[in-house]
Amino acid sequence: MVYYTSYDTREQAKLAVFEYIEVWYNRKRKHSALGYRTPEQYQKYLTENKMSA
């Protein structure tokens, strides 16, 4: 991402990287601590199991 985008300031670059990690990457990647589910899948799993309990 950073190699294909031009930023006017270092702060803009830092914000873009932060947004990529927090908004896209962490929500899409599977986490071993969550049973190899994405955070969205895990939240759905918790909601469904809480309702059935």
PDB file of N, CA and C in Angstrom:
ATOM      1  N   MET A   1       0.810  -1.182   0.000  1.00  0.00           N
ATOM      2  CA  MET A   1       0.000   0.000   0.000  1.00  0.00           C
ATOM      3  C   MET A   1       0.864   1.260   0.000  1.00  0.00           C
ATOM      4  N   VAL A   2       1.825   1.321   0.894  1.00  0.00           N
ATOM      5  CA  VAL A   2       2.620   2.547   1.008  1.00  0.00           C
ATOM      6  C   VAL A   2       3.557   2.751  -0.184  1.00  0.00           C
ATOM      7  N   TYR A   3       3.857   1.672  -0.895  1.00  0.00           N
ATOM      8  CA  TYR A   3       4.750   1.805  -2.031  1.00  0.00           C
ATOM      9  C   TYR A   3       4.048   2.367  -3.257  1.00  0.00           C
ATOM     10  N   TYR A   4       2.718   2.306  -3.271  1.00  0.00           N
ATOM     11  CA  TYR A   4       1.962   2.749  -4.437  1.00  0.00           C
ATOM     12  C   TYR A   4       1.211   4.047  -4.201  1.00  0.00           C
ATOM     13  N   THR A   5       1.369   4.617  -3.021  1.00  0.00           N
ATOM     14  CA  THR A   5       0.664   5.848  -2.669  1.00  0.00           C
ATOM     15  C   THR A   5       1.666   6.911  -2.279  1.00  0.00           C
ATOM     16  N   SER A   6       1.401   8.118  -2.693  1.00  0.00           N
ATOM     17  CA  SER A   6       2.255   9.245  -2.338  1.00  0.00           C
ATOM     18  C   SER A   6       1.593  10.022  -1.204  1.00  0.00           C
ATOM     19  N   TYR A   7       2.352  10.310  -0.168  1.00  0.00           N
ATOM     20  CA  TYR A   7       1.840  11.044   0.985  1.00  0.00           C
ATOM     21  C   TYR A   7       2.573  12.365   1.090  1.00  0.00           C
ATOM     22  N   ASP A   8       1.836  13.393   1.468  1.00  0.00           N
ATOM     23  CA  ASP A   8       2.443  14.718   1.625  1.00  0.00           C
ATOM     24  C   ASP A   8       3.227  14.831   2.926  1.00  0.00           C
ATOM     25  N   THR A   9       2.757  14.146   3.948  1.00  0.00           N
ATOM     26  CA  THR A   9       3.437  14.213   5.247  1.00  0.00           C
ATOM     27  C   THR A   9       3.573  12.814   5.838  1.00  0.00           C
ATOM     28  N   ARG A  10       4.453  12.713   6.783  1.00  0.00           N
ATOM     29  CA  ARG A  10       4.631  11.450   7.509  1.00  0.00           C
ATOM     30  C   ARG A  10       3.369  11.114   8.290  1.00  0.00           C
ATOM     31  N   GLU A  11       2.708  12.141   8.806  1.00  0.00           N
ATOM     32  CA  GLU A  11       1.475  11.940   9.568  1.00  0.00           C
ATOM     33  C   GLU A  11       0.388  11.313   8.700  1.00  0.00           C
ATOM     34  N   GLN A  12       0.267  11.726   7.458  1.00  0.00           N
ATOM     35  CA  GLN A  12      -0.704  11.130   6.538  1.00  0.00           C
ATOM     36  C   GLN A  12      -0.384   9.651   6.311  1.00  0.00           C
ATOM     37  N   ALA A  13       0.880   9.345   6.156  1.00  0.00           N
ATOM     38  CA  ALA A  13       1.291   7.955   5.948  1.00  0.00           C
ATOM     39  C   ALA A  13       0.975   7.117   7.185  1.00  0.00           C
ATOM     40  N   LYS A  14       1.264   7.641   8.364  1.00  0.00           N
ATOM     41  CA  LYS A  14       0.991   6.913   9.594  1.00  0.00           C
ATOM     42  C   LYS A  14      -0.504   6.653   9.756  1.00  0.00           C
ATOM     43  N   LEU A  15      -1.318   7.641   9.437  1.00  0.00           N
ATOM     44  CA  LEU A  15      -2.761   7.487   9.537  1.00  0.00           C
ATOM     45  C   LEU A  15      -3.263   6.442   8.545  1.00  0.00           C
ATOM     46  N   ALA A  16      -2.740   6.447   7.341  1.00  0.00           N
ATOM     47  CA  ALA A  16      -3.156   5.472   6.325  1.00  0.00           C
ATOM     48  C   ALA A  16      -2.796   4.052   6.754  1.00  0.00           C
ATOM     49  N   VAL A  17      -1.616   3.862   7.295  1.00  0.00           N
ATOM     50  CA  VAL A  17      -1.196   2.533   7.753  1.00  0.00           C
ATOM     51  C   VAL A  17      -2.054   2.088   8.936  1.00  0.00           C
ATOM     52  N   PHE A  18      -2.306   2.998   9.869  1.00  0.00           N
ATOM     53  CA  PHE A  18      -3.153   2.682  11.022  1.00  0.00           C
ATOM     54  C   PHE A  18      -4.545   2.251  10.565  1.00  0.00           C
ATOM     55  N   GLU A  19      -5.136   3.009   9.655  1.00  0.00           N
ATOM     56  CA  GLU A  19      -6.467   2.674   9.157  1.00  0.00           C
ATOM     57  C   GLU A  19      -6.471   1.320   8.455  1.00  0.00           C
ATOM     58  N   TYR A  20      -5.443   1.045   7.687  1.00  0.00           N
ATOM     59  CA  TYR A  20      -5.359  -0.247   6.999  1.00  0.00           C
ATOM     60  C   TYR A  20      -5.338  -1.391   8.006  1.00  0.00           C
ATOM     61  N   ILE A  21      -4.507  -1.260   9.010  1.00  0.00           N
ATOM     62  CA  ILE A  21      -4.368  -2.334  10.000  1.00  0.00           C
ATOM     63  C   ILE A  21      -5.645  -2.486  10.822  1.00  0.00           C
ATOM     64  N   GLU A  22      -6.153  -1.395  11.357  1.00  0.00           N
ATOM     65  CA  GLU A  22      -7.302  -1.463  12.257  1.00  0.00           C
ATOM     66  C   GLU A  22      -8.629  -1.686  11.546  1.00  0.00           C
ATOM     67  N   VAL A  23      -8.794  -1.086  10.392  1.00  0.00           N
ATOM     68  CA  VAL A  23     -10.089  -1.166   9.723  1.00  0.00           C
ATOM     69  C   VAL A  23     -10.183  -2.370   8.800  1.00  0.00           C
ATOM     70  N   TRP A  24      -9.158  -2.676   8.083  1.00  0.00           N
ATOM     71  CA  TRP A  24      -9.267  -3.760   7.115  1.00  0.00           C
ATOM     72  C   TRP A  24      -8.580  -5.037   7.599  1.00  0.00           C
ATOM     73  N   TYR A  25      -7.295  -4.972   7.864  1.00  0.00           N
ATOM     74  CA  TYR A  25      -6.519  -6.182   8.131  1.00  0.00           C
ATOM     75  C   TYR A  25      -7.001  -6.936   9.367  1.00  0.00           C
ATOM     76  N   ASN A  26      -7.124  -6.269  10.496  1.00  0.00           N
ATOM     77  CA  ASN A  26      -7.503  -6.965  11.732  1.00  0.00           C
ATOM     78  C   ASN A  26      -8.921  -7.517  11.682  1.00  0.00           C
ATOM     79  N   ARG A  27      -9.775  -6.942  10.856  1.00  0.00           N
ATOM     80  CA  ARG A  27     -11.141  -7.445  10.752  1.00  0.00           C
ATOM     81  C   ARG A  27     -11.259  -8.603   9.780  1.00  0.00           C
ATOM     82  N   LYS A  28     -10.297  -8.746   8.876  1.00  0.00           N
ATOM     83  CA  LYS A  28     -10.375  -9.790   7.860  1.00  0.00           C
ATOM     84  C   LYS A  28      -9.523 -11.007   8.171  1.00  0.00           C
ATOM     85  N   ARG A  29      -8.424 -10.793   8.899  1.00  0.00           N
ATOM     86  CA  ARG A  29      -7.536 -11.929   9.129  1.00  0.00           C
ATOM     87  C   ARG A  29      -8.079 -12.820  10.225  1.00  0.00           C
ATOM     88  N   LYS A  30      -7.754 -14.085  10.127  1.00  0.00           N
ATOM     89  CA  LYS A  30      -8.195 -15.050  11.123  1.00  0.00           C
ATOM     90  C   LYS A  30      -7.227 -15.043  12.297  1.00  0.00           C
ATOM     91  N   HIS A  31      -7.772 -15.065  13.497  1.00  0.00           N
ATOM     92  CA  HIS A  31      -6.979 -15.020  14.713  1.00  0.00           C
ATOM     93  C   HIS A  31      -6.982 -16.402  15.364  1.00  0.00           C
ATOM     94  N   SER A  32      -5.818 -16.891  15.710  1.00  0.00           N
ATOM     95  CA  SER A  32      -5.743 -18.207  16.350  1.00  0.00           C
ATOM     96  C   SER A  32      -6.426 -18.192  17.716  1.00  0.00           C
ATOM     97  N   ALA A  33      -6.373 -17.066  18.418  1.00  0.00           N
ATOM     98  CA  ALA A  33      -7.013 -16.967  19.730  1.00  0.00           C
ATOM     99  C   ALA A  33      -8.535 -17.004  19.644  1.00  0.00           C
ATOM    100  N   LEU A  34      -9.069 -16.782  18.446  1.00  0.00           N
ATOM    101  CA  LEU A  34     -10.523 -16.798  18.254  1.00  0.00           C
ATOM    102  C   LEU A  34     -10.974 -18.060  17.545  1.00  0.00           C
ATOM    103  N   GLY A  35     -10.159 -19.094  17.617  1.00  0.00           N
ATOM    104  CA  GLY A  35     -10.513 -20.346  16.958  1.00  0.00           C
ATOM    105  C   GLY A  35     -10.396 -20.255  15.450  1.00  0.00           C
ATOM    106  N   TYR A  36      -9.444 -19.478  14.981  1.00  0.00           N
ATOM    107  CA  TYR A  36      -9.207 -19.260  13.546  1.00  0.00           C
ATOM    108  C   TYR A  36     -10.441 -18.699  12.839  1.00  0.00           C
ATOM    109  N   ARG A  37     -11.091 -17.784  13.539  1.00  0.00           N
ATOM    110  CA  ARG A  37     -12.211 -17.036  12.965  1.00  0.00           C
ATOM    111  C   ARG A  37     -11.792 -15.580  12.836  1.00  0.00           C
ATOM    112  N   THR A  38     -12.463 -14.868  11.951  1.00  0.00           N
ATOM    113  CA  THR A  38     -12.265 -13.422  11.901  1.00  0.00           C
ATOM    114  C   THR A  38     -12.998 -12.835  13.105  1.00  0.00           C
ATOM    115  N   PRO A  39     -12.657 -11.617  13.508  1.00  0.00           N
ATOM    116  CA  PRO A  39     -13.395 -11.012  14.622  1.00  0.00           C
ATOM    117  C   PRO A  39     -14.906 -10.937  14.348  1.00  0.00           C
ATOM    118  N   GLU A  40     -15.290 -10.667  13.120  1.00  0.00           N
ATOM    119  CA  GLU A  40     -16.713 -10.620  12.776  1.00  0.00           C
ATOM    120  C   GLU A  40     -17.363 -11.989  12.958  1.00  0.00           C
ATOM    121  N   GLN A  41     -16.691 -13.035  12.504  1.00  0.00           N
ATOM    122  CA  GLN A  41     -17.225 -14.393  12.666  1.00  0.00           C
ATOM    123  C   GLN A  41     -17.335 -14.755  14.141  1.00  0.00           C
ATOM    124  N   TYR A  42     -16.330 -14.375  14.921  1.00  0.00           N
ATOM    125  CA  TYR A  42     -16.327 -14.709  16.339  1.00  0.00           C
ATOM    126  C   TYR A  42     -17.439 -13.971  17.077  1.00  0.00           C
ATOM    127  N   GLN A  43     -17.654 -12.720  16.729  1.00  0.00           N
ATOM    128  CA  GLN A  43     -18.733 -11.956  17.350  1.00  0.00           C
ATOM    129  C   GLN A  43     -20.088 -12.595  17.048  1.00  0.00           C
ATOM    130  N   LYS A  44     -20.266 -13.015  15.814  1.00  0.00           N
ATOM    131  CA  LYS A  44     -21.508 -13.695  15.428  1.00  0.00           C
ATOM    132  C   LYS A  44     -21.654 -14.999  16.212  1.00  0.00           C
ATOM    133  N   TYR A  45     -20.560 -15.739  16.326  1.00  0.00           N
ATOM    134  CA  TYR A  45     -20.550 -17.000  17.078  1.00  0.00           C
ATOM    135  C   TYR A  45     -20.954 -16.755  18.538  1.00  0.00           C
ATOM    136  N   LEU A  46     -20.385 -15.736  19.168  1.00  0.00           N
ATOM    137  CA  LEU A  46     -20.714 -15.430  20.564  1.00  0.00           C
ATOM    138  C   LEU A  46     -22.179 -15.025  20.707  1.00  0.00           C
ATOM    139  N   THR A  47     -22.654 -14.212  19.798  1.00  0.00           N
ATOM    140  CA  THR A  47     -24.038 -13.767  19.852  1.00  0.00           C
ATOM    141  C   THR A  47     -25.003 -14.933  19.719  1.00  0.00           C
ATOM    142  N   GLU A  48     -24.730 -15.807  18.769  1.00  0.00           N
ATOM    143  CA  GLU A  48     -25.603 -16.964  18.561  1.00  0.00           C
ATOM    144  C   GLU A  48     -25.587 -17.900  19.762  1.00  0.00           C
ATOM    145  N   ASN A  49     -24.415 -18.126  20.346  1.00  0.00           N
ATOM    146  CA  ASN A  49     -24.321 -19.035  21.482  1.00  0.00           C
ATOM    147  C   ASN A  49     -24.870 -18.439  22.768  1.00  0.00           C
ATOM    148  N   LYS A  50     -24.788 -17.129  22.917  1.00  0.00           N
ATOM    149  CA  LYS A  50     -25.337 -16.486  24.087  1.00  0.00           C
ATOM    150  C   LYS A  50     -26.863 -16.557  24.074  1.00  0.00           C
ATOM    151  N   MET A  51     -27.444 -16.434  22.887  1.00  0.00           N
ATOM    152  CA  MET A  51     -28.899 -16.499  22.766  1.00  0.00           C
ATOM    153  C   MET A  51     -29.437 -17.907  23.032  1.00  0.00           C
ATOM    154  N   SER A  52     -28.664 -18.896  22.654  1.00  0.00           N
ATOM    155  CA  SER A  52     -29.124 -20.282  22.835  1.00  0.00           C
ATOM    156  C   SER A  52     -28.874 -20.807  24.247  1.00  0.00           C
ATOM    157  N   ALA A  53     -28.099 -20.101  25.033  1.00  0.00           N
ATOM    158  CA  ALA A  53     -27.781 -20.552  26.402  1.00  0.00           C
ATOM    159  C   ALA A  53     -28.854 -20.146  27.389  1.00  0.00           C
TER     160      ALA A  53
END
